[in-house]
C-alpha atoms as a PDB file:
ATOM      1  CA  MET A   1     -12.881 -33.875  62.773  1.00  0.00           C
ATOM      2  CA  SER A   2     -12.348 -31.174  60.183  1.00  0.00           C
ATOM      3  CA  PRO A   3      -9.825 -28.363  60.877  1.00  0.00           C
ATOM      4  CA  PRO A   4     -12.456 -25.604  61.361  1.00  0.00           C
ATOM      5  CA  ARG A   5     -14.329 -27.728  63.913  1.00  0.00           C
ATOM      6  CA  ARG A   6     -11.096 -28.676  65.663  1.00  0.00           C
ATOM      7  CA  ASN A   7     -10.101 -25.006  65.875  1.00  0.00           C
ATOM      8  CA  GLN A   8     -13.539 -24.085  67.228  1.00  0.00           C
ATOM      9  CA  ALA A   9     -13.280 -26.837  69.842  1.00  0.00           C
ATOM     10  CA  ARG A  10      -9.880 -25.490  70.946  1.00  0.00           C
ATOM     11  CA  ARG A  11     -11.252 -21.952  71.250  1.00  0.00           C
ATOM     12  CA  ASP A  12     -14.221 -23.197  73.272  1.00  0.00           C
ATOM     13  CA  GLN A  13     -11.910 -25.127  75.613  1.00  0.00           C
ATOM     14  CA  ALA A  14      -9.638 -22.085  76.013  1.00  0.00           C
ATOM     15  CA  ARG A  15     -12.639 -19.977  77.014  1.00  0.00           C
ATOM     16  CA  ARG A  16     -13.681 -22.521  79.623  1.00  0.00           C
ATOM     17  CA  ASP A  17     -10.137 -22.653  81.051  1.00  0.00           C
ATOM     18  CA  GLN A  18      -9.981 -18.888  81.681  1.00  0.00           C
ATOM     19  CA  PRO A  19     -10.815 -17.600  85.136  1.00  0.00           C
ATOM     20  CA  PRO A  20     -14.321 -16.107  85.286  1.00  0.00           C
ATOM     21  CA  GLY A  21     -13.041 -12.545  85.700  1.00  0.00           C
ATOM     22  CA  ARG A  22     -11.052 -12.643  82.470  1.00  0.00           C
ATOM     23  CA  ARG A  23     -13.820 -13.841  80.209  1.00  0.00           C
ATOM     24  CA  ARG A  24     -15.145 -11.400  77.700  1.00  0.00           C
ATOM     25  CA  ARG A  25     -18.525 -10.148  78.562  1.00  0.00           C
ATOM     26  CA  GLY A  26     -20.856  -9.551  75.674  1.00  0.00           C
ATOM     27  CA  HIS A  27     -22.826  -6.375  75.433  1.00  0.00           C
ATOM     28  CA  LYS A  28     -26.290  -7.051  76.707  1.00  0.00           C
ATOM     29  CA  PRO A  29     -29.064  -5.402  74.724  1.00  0.00           C
ATOM     30  CA  LYS A  30     -31.147  -2.789  76.456  1.00  0.00           C
ATOM     31  CA  PRO A  31     -34.256  -4.312  77.997  1.00  0.00           C
ATOM     32  CA  VAL A  32     -37.452  -3.366  76.204  1.00  0.00           C
ATOM     33  CA  ASP A  33     -40.493  -2.337  78.171  1.00  0.00           C
ATOM     34  CA  LEU A  34     -43.128  -4.703  76.822  1.00  0.00           C
ATOM     35  CA  TRP A  35     -45.939  -3.031  78.736  1.00  0.00           C
ATOM     36  CA  ARG A  36     -45.287   0.503  77.517  1.00  0.00           C
ATOM     37  CA  THR A  37     -48.201   2.494  76.186  1.00  0.00           C
ATOM     38  CA  VAL A  38     -48.570   2.562  72.429  1.00  0.00           C
ATOM     39  CA  PRO A  39     -50.440   5.063  70.283  1.00  0.00           C
ATOM     40  CA  GLN A  40     -54.082   4.313  69.616  1.00  0.00           C
ATOM     41  CA  LEU A  41     -54.745   2.785  66.201  1.00  0.00           C
ATOM     42  CA  GLY A  42     -57.137   4.415  63.772  1.00  0.00           C
ATOM     43  CA  GLU A  43     -60.371   2.827  62.637  1.00  0.00           C
ATOM     44  CA  PRO A  44     -59.750  -0.098  60.277  1.00  0.00           C
ATOM     45  CA  GLU A  45     -61.034   0.161  56.733  1.00  0.00           C
ATOM     46  CA  PRO A  46     -63.856  -2.173  55.694  1.00  0.00           C
ATOM     47  CA  ILE A  47     -62.619  -5.499  54.324  1.00  0.00           C
ATOM     48  CA  ARG A  48     -63.773  -6.634  50.906  1.00  0.00           C
ATOM     49  CA  PRO A  49     -63.477 -10.365  50.213  1.00  0.00           C
ATOM     50  CA  ALA A  50     -61.439 -11.357  47.178  1.00  0.00           C
ATOM     51  CA  GLY A  51     -63.518 -12.223  44.136  1.00  0.00           C
ATOM     52  CA  ASP A  52     -61.068 -14.932  43.103  1.00  0.00           C
ATOM     53  CA  PRO A  53     -58.763 -15.952  45.971  1.00  0.00           C
ATOM     54  CA  GLY A  54     -56.755 -18.339  43.772  1.00  0.00           C
ATOM     55  CA  ALA A  55     -55.795 -15.692  41.175  1.00  0.00           C
ATOM     56  CA  LEU A  56     -52.456 -14.845  42.793  1.00  0.00           C
ATOM     57  CA  LEU A  57     -51.563 -18.510  43.134  1.00  0.00           C
ATOM     58  CA  ARG A  58     -52.356 -19.178  39.466  1.00  0.00           C
ATOM     59  CA  SER A  59     -50.357 -16.121  38.396  1.00  0.00           C
ATOM     60  CA  LEU A  60     -47.219 -17.777  39.759  1.00  0.00           C
ATOM     61  CA  GLY A  61     -47.457 -20.532  37.158  1.00  0.00           C
ATOM     62  CA  ASP A  62     -47.393 -24.291  37.412  1.00  0.00           C
ATOM     63  CA  VAL A  63     -46.262 -25.983  40.615  1.00  0.00           C
ATOM     64  CA  PRO A  64     -42.706 -27.289  40.034  1.00  0.00           C
ATOM     65  CA  LEU A  65     -43.360 -30.879  41.117  1.00  0.00           C
ATOM     66  CA  GLN A  66     -42.666 -33.533  38.520  1.00  0.00           C
ATOM     67  CA  GLY A  67     -45.707 -35.733  37.994  1.00  0.00           C
ATOM     68  CA  GLN A  68     -47.656 -34.271  40.927  1.00  0.00           C
ATOM     69  CA  GLY A  69     -48.188 -30.683  39.811  1.00  0.00           C
ATOM     70  CA  ALA A  70     -51.922 -31.010  39.232  1.00  0.00           C
ATOM     71  CA  VAL A  71     -52.532 -32.627  42.621  1.00  0.00           C
ATOM     72  CA  ALA A  72     -50.365 -30.055  44.416  1.00  0.00           C
ATOM     73  CA  GLU A  73     -52.064 -27.210  42.557  1.00  0.00           C
ATOM     74  CA  HIS A  74     -55.471 -28.545  43.610  1.00  0.00           C
ATOM     75  CA  HIS A  75     -54.448 -28.776  47.272  1.00  0.00           C
ATOM     76  CA  LEU A  76     -52.813 -25.335  47.307  1.00  0.00           C
ATOM     77  CA  ALA A  77     -55.931 -23.821  45.738  1.00  0.00           C
ATOM     78  CA  ALA A  78     -58.095 -25.523  48.376  1.00  0.00           C
ATOM     79  CA  VAL A  79     -55.946 -24.088  51.170  1.00  0.00           C
ATOM     80  CA  VAL A  80     -56.050 -20.578  49.680  1.00  0.00           C
ATOM     81  CA  GLU A  81     -59.830 -20.704  49.229  1.00  0.00           C
ATOM     82  CA  ARG A  82     -60.314 -21.996  52.773  1.00  0.00           C
ATOM     83  CA  ALA A  83     -58.080 -19.252  54.187  1.00  0.00           C
ATOM     84  CA  ALA A  84     -60.009 -16.610  52.236  1.00  0.00           C
ATOM     85  CA  GLY A  85     -63.287 -18.002  53.546  1.00  0.00           C
ATOM     86  CA  LEU A  86     -62.050 -17.962  57.133  1.00  0.00           C
ATOM     87  CA  ALA A  87     -60.720 -14.417  56.736  1.00  0.00           C
ATOM     88  CA  THR A  88     -64.093 -13.304  55.405  1.00  0.00           C
ATOM     89  CA  ALA A  89     -65.905 -14.970  58.316  1.00  0.00           C
ATOM     90  CA  LEU A  90     -63.536 -13.358  60.798  1.00  0.00           C
ATOM     91  CA  ALA A  91     -64.078  -9.931  59.227  1.00  0.00           C
ATOM     92  CA  ALA A  92     -67.851 -10.448  59.370  1.00  0.00           C
ATOM     93  CA  ALA A  93     -67.694 -11.504  63.025  1.00  0.00           C
ATOM     94  CA  ALA A  94     -65.704  -8.380  63.866  1.00  0.00           C
ATOM     95  CA  GLY A  95     -68.139  -6.170  61.959  1.00  0.00           C
ATOM     96  CA  LEU A  96     -65.464  -5.140  59.460  1.00  0.00           C
ATOM     97  CA  LEU A  97     -66.914  -6.667  56.309  1.00  0.00           C
ATOM     98  CA  ALA A  98     -67.603  -4.080  53.619  1.00  0.00           C
ATOM     99  CA  GLU A  99     -71.084  -3.885  52.180  1.00  0.00           C
ATOM    100  CA  SER A 100     -71.384  -5.747  48.910  1.00  0.00           C
ATOM    101  CA  ASP A 101     -72.878  -4.091  45.827  1.00  0.00           C
ATOM    102  CA  GLU A 102     -75.959  -6.355  45.987  1.00  0.00           C
ATOM    103  CA  SER A 103     -76.811  -5.360  49.573  1.00  0.00           C
ATOM    104  CA  ARG A 104     -76.572  -1.644  48.757  1.00  0.00           C
ATOM    105  CA  SER A 105     -79.012  -1.904  45.857  1.00  0.00           C
ATOM    106  CA  ILE A 106     -81.758  -3.540  47.945  1.00  0.00           C
END
């Protein structure tokens, strides 16, 4: 056992050997009222889907995996595109999807 662990074990044993009244009591954090009222949120702004969800990922450069960078890049791009699609569907279901330029011109 290394010296720091041995010293920690001795301190732990010394704490257990003390009578309960002499132990240090830690400061307990104030309880937080989880059910308190919170201010009402404003109306959310319309959500516009990203034109190219993989742009940010590509801007970071090549994936640093020797010999598997292309495969990893493909899978990461698929995950990002899927997440963007799900976010767009969720926004549409909630009625928060912004009108596209094509729908305004019709």
